[in-house]
């Protein structure tokens, strides 16, 4: 069986830096000694996704415009982990800021790589149980979000019908399937 080996980074240059990410260009030597002159990598902080479940078995969803796709997207709350912030604290913060809901309990479920070909970060999925509306939204200046709830079975249908088509949202919902299946519908 062939052994896959890592590439060797010969040189790395930062191209641009924003609040959300850095873009760098690496010059790499592949195991077969071929030199790749430019390989672009996006460096992001970790992200969190939160699957919020209310005491009566509803999922808390958000709807917002996504400029790259030019479409309104149905999602779950989530966002960037701030420097020095624990991911579970980021999950609780994003849930409250984007929806006004507060969870009785938040549990880490799993982590995944959004796109390991071009990004260096992880997406950490949390399930938030016993979510109740307790706060006002606290949105970033460029966020415009509508919050609503749907029964779990209806959300699953929305995924299967392509109404919810954001792959990272679908992945987080799938990772939380055991929790979602334990809720009486």
Protein backbone atom coordinates (compact mmCIF):
# COMPACT_ATOMS: atom_id res chain seq x y z
CA UNK A 1 0.00 0.00 0.00
CA UNK A 2 1.31 3.44 -0.94
CA UNK A 3 2.23 5.72 1.96
CA UNK A 4 1.01 9.32 1.62
CA UNK A 5 3.54 11.88 2.80
CA UNK A 6 3.27 15.53 3.80
CA UNK A 7 4.52 18.33 1.60
CA UNK A 8 7.50 20.38 2.76
CA UNK A 9 6.96 24.15 2.98
CA UNK A 10 9.98 25.91 1.52
CA UNK A 11 8.69 29.44 1.85
CA UNK A 12 5.56 31.13 3.19
CA UNK A 13 4.44 34.72 2.52
CA UNK A 14 1.49 36.62 3.99
CA UNK A 15 -0.46 38.24 1.15
CA UNK A 16 -3.22 40.01 3.06
CA UNK A 17 -4.65 40.16 6.56
CA UNK A 18 -8.18 41.13 7.60
CA UNK A 19 -10.15 40.91 10.84
CA UNK A 20 -11.59 37.57 9.67
CA UNK A 21 -8.70 35.81 7.94
CA UNK A 22 -5.16 35.90 6.59
CA UNK A 23 -4.24 34.80 3.09
CA UNK A 24 -0.81 33.33 2.58
CA UNK A 25 1.08 31.83 -0.34
CA UNK A 26 3.31 28.82 0.27
CA UNK A 27 6.04 27.44 -1.97
CA UNK A 28 6.05 23.68 -1.41
CA UNK A 29 8.07 20.64 -2.31
CA UNK A 30 5.97 17.53 -2.88
CA UNK A 31 7.24 14.07 -1.87
CA UNK A 32 8.15 13.37 -5.52
CA UNK A 33 10.45 16.48 -5.40
CA UNK A 34 8.13 18.55 -7.64
CA UNK A 35 8.03 22.20 -6.55
CA UNK A 36 4.64 23.92 -6.36
CA UNK A 37 5.48 27.63 -6.69
CA UNK A 38 2.25 29.00 -5.16
CA UNK A 39 -0.28 27.27 -2.97
CA UNK A 40 -2.80 29.62 -1.34
CA UNK A 41 -4.00 29.02 2.22
CA UNK A 42 -6.69 30.91 4.13
CA UNK A 43 -5.91 31.11 7.85
CA UNK A 44 -9.05 31.45 9.98
CA UNK A 45 -9.75 31.35 13.70
CA UNK A 46 -11.80 28.35 14.76
CA UNK A 47 -15.55 28.64 14.10
CA UNK A 48 -18.49 27.35 16.12
CA UNK A 49 -21.92 26.16 15.04
CA UNK A 50 -24.70 25.78 17.59
CA UNK A 51 -27.68 23.45 17.18
CA UNK A 52 -30.20 25.08 19.57
CA UNK A 53 -33.13 22.99 20.81
CA UNK A 54 -36.01 24.50 22.81
CA UNK A 55 -37.70 22.63 25.69
CA UNK A 56 -40.66 21.84 23.39
CA UNK A 57 -38.45 20.25 20.70
CA UNK A 58 -38.13 23.13 18.27
CA UNK A 59 -34.90 24.10 16.53
CA UNK A 60 -33.91 27.74 16.62
CA UNK A 61 -32.92 28.85 13.12
CA UNK A 62 -31.71 32.07 11.57
CA UNK A 63 -32.14 33.47 8.11
CA UNK A 64 -29.63 35.88 6.62
CA UNK A 65 -28.31 37.13 3.30
CA UNK A 66 -25.02 35.62 2.09
CA UNK A 67 -23.38 37.90 -0.44
CA UNK A 68 -21.04 35.36 -2.07
CA UNK A 69 -24.00 33.19 -3.11
CA UNK A 70 -26.34 36.16 -3.57
CA UNK A 71 -29.01 34.27 -1.64
CA UNK A 72 -30.90 34.25 1.63
CA UNK A 73 -29.62 31.30 3.69
CA UNK A 74 -31.35 29.36 6.46
CA UNK A 75 -28.79 28.43 9.10
CA UNK A 76 -28.12 27.78 12.75
CA UNK A 77 -26.28 30.37 14.86
CA UNK A 78 -22.52 30.35 14.75
CA UNK A 79 -19.41 32.36 14.16
CA UNK A 80 -15.79 32.95 14.94
CA UNK A 81 -14.08 32.08 18.22
CA UNK A 82 -12.46 35.29 19.46
CA UNK A 83 -8.78 35.26 20.42
CA UNK A 84 -8.42 33.89 23.96
CA UNK A 85 -12.05 32.75 24.07
CA UNK A 86 -13.00 29.16 24.88
CA UNK A 87 -15.05 27.58 22.06
CA UNK A 88 -17.96 26.71 24.39
CA UNK A 89 -18.09 30.36 25.50
CA UNK A 90 -18.10 31.42 21.83
CA UNK A 91 -21.01 29.03 21.21
CA UNK A 92 -23.03 30.54 24.09
CA UNK A 93 -22.14 34.08 22.96
CA UNK A 94 -23.06 33.48 19.30
CA UNK A 95 -26.34 31.81 20.32
CA UNK A 96 -27.34 34.77 22.49
CA UNK A 97 -26.10 37.49 20.11
CA UNK A 98 -27.70 36.07 16.96
CA UNK A 99 -30.95 34.69 18.42
CA UNK A 100 -31.55 36.09 21.92
CA UNK A 101 -31.81 32.49 23.17
CA UNK A 102 -29.92 31.18 26.20
CA UNK A 103 -29.32 27.46 26.74
CA UNK A 104 -29.78 25.52 29.97
CA UNK A 105 -26.86 23.33 28.84
CA UNK A 106 -24.36 23.42 25.97
CA UNK A 107 -22.44 20.31 24.98
CA UNK A 108 -19.51 19.88 22.59
CA UNK A 109 -20.39 17.35 19.89
CA UNK A 110 -17.53 17.15 17.40
CA UNK A 111 -15.14 19.11 15.23
CA UNK A 112 -14.57 19.10 11.50
CA UNK A 113 -12.46 20.81 8.85
CA UNK A 114 -14.54 23.17 6.68
CA UNK A 115 -12.17 22.87 3.70
CA UNK A 116 -8.75 21.35 4.43
CA UNK A 117 -7.60 21.99 0.86
CA UNK A 118 -7.55 25.76 1.33
CA UNK A 119 -8.31 26.54 5.00
CA UNK A 120 -6.40 25.76 8.20
CA UNK A 121 -9.21 25.99 10.77
CA UNK A 122 -11.74 23.77 12.52
CA UNK A 123 -15.49 24.14 12.91
CA UNK A 124 -16.65 22.98 16.34
CA UNK A 125 -20.25 21.87 16.66
CA UNK A 126 -22.20 22.27 19.91
CA UNK A 127 -25.73 21.28 20.84
CA UNK A 128 -27.61 23.75 23.05
CA UNK A 129 -30.38 22.17 25.12
CA UNK A 130 -33.28 23.86 26.89
CA UNK A 131 -32.98 27.07 24.86
CA UNK A 132 -35.26 29.92 25.92
CA UNK A 133 -35.65 33.42 24.53
CA UNK A 134 -34.20 35.69 27.22
CA UNK A 135 -32.21 38.47 25.53
CA UNK A 136 -32.34 41.07 22.79
CA UNK A 137 -30.34 40.40 19.64
CA UNK A 138 -26.85 41.91 19.68
CA UNK A 139 -25.84 41.81 16.03
CA UNK A 140 -22.62 42.92 14.41
CA UNK A 141 -23.00 46.08 12.29
CA UNK A 142 -23.12 44.04 9.08
CA UNK A 143 -25.53 41.33 10.28
CA UNK A 144 -29.23 41.34 9.43
CA UNK A 145 -30.83 38.22 10.89
CA UNK A 146 -34.38 36.89 11.24
CA UNK A 147 -34.85 34.34 14.03
CA UNK A 148 -37.51 31.62 13.93
CA UNK A 149 -38.18 28.11 15.22
CA UNK A 150 -39.24 24.95 13.41
CA UNK A 151 -40.01 21.41 14.55
CA UNK A 152 -37.08 19.02 14.13
CA UNK A 153 -38.88 16.87 11.54
CA UNK A 154 -39.61 19.95 9.44
CA UNK A 155 -35.95 21.01 9.59
CA UNK A 156 -34.91 17.54 8.41
CA UNK A 157 -37.34 17.88 5.49
CA UNK A 158 -35.86 21.31 4.70
CA UNK A 159 -32.41 19.71 4.49
CA UNK A 160 -33.64 16.83 2.30
CA UNK A 161 -35.48 19.24 -0.03
CA UNK A 162 -32.45 21.52 -0.40
CA UNK A 163 -34.11 24.46 1.38
CA UNK A 164 -31.23 24.33 3.86
CA UNK A 165 -28.20 23.91 1.60
CA UNK A 166 -25.26 25.32 3.55
CA UNK A 167 -22.98 22.27 3.88
CA UNK A 168 -21.47 23.29 7.23
CA UNK A 169 -24.96 23.72 8.70
CA UNK A 170 -26.03 20.33 7.35
CA UNK A 171 -22.89 18.71 8.75
CA UNK A 172 -23.54 20.16 12.21
CA UNK A 173 -27.17 19.02 12.11
CA UNK A 174 -26.02 15.52 11.14
CA UNK A 175 -23.46 15.46 13.96
CA UNK A 176 -26.28 16.29 16.39
CA UNK A 177 -28.64 13.69 14.97
CA UNK A 178 -28.57 11.56 18.16
CA UNK A 179 -29.79 14.57 20.16
CA UNK A 180 -32.38 15.46 17.53
CA UNK A 181 -33.72 11.89 17.40
CA UNK A 182 -34.11 11.77 21.19
CA UNK A 183 -36.60 14.67 21.13
CA UNK A 184 -40.24 13.54 20.81
CA UNK A 185 -41.65 15.05 17.62
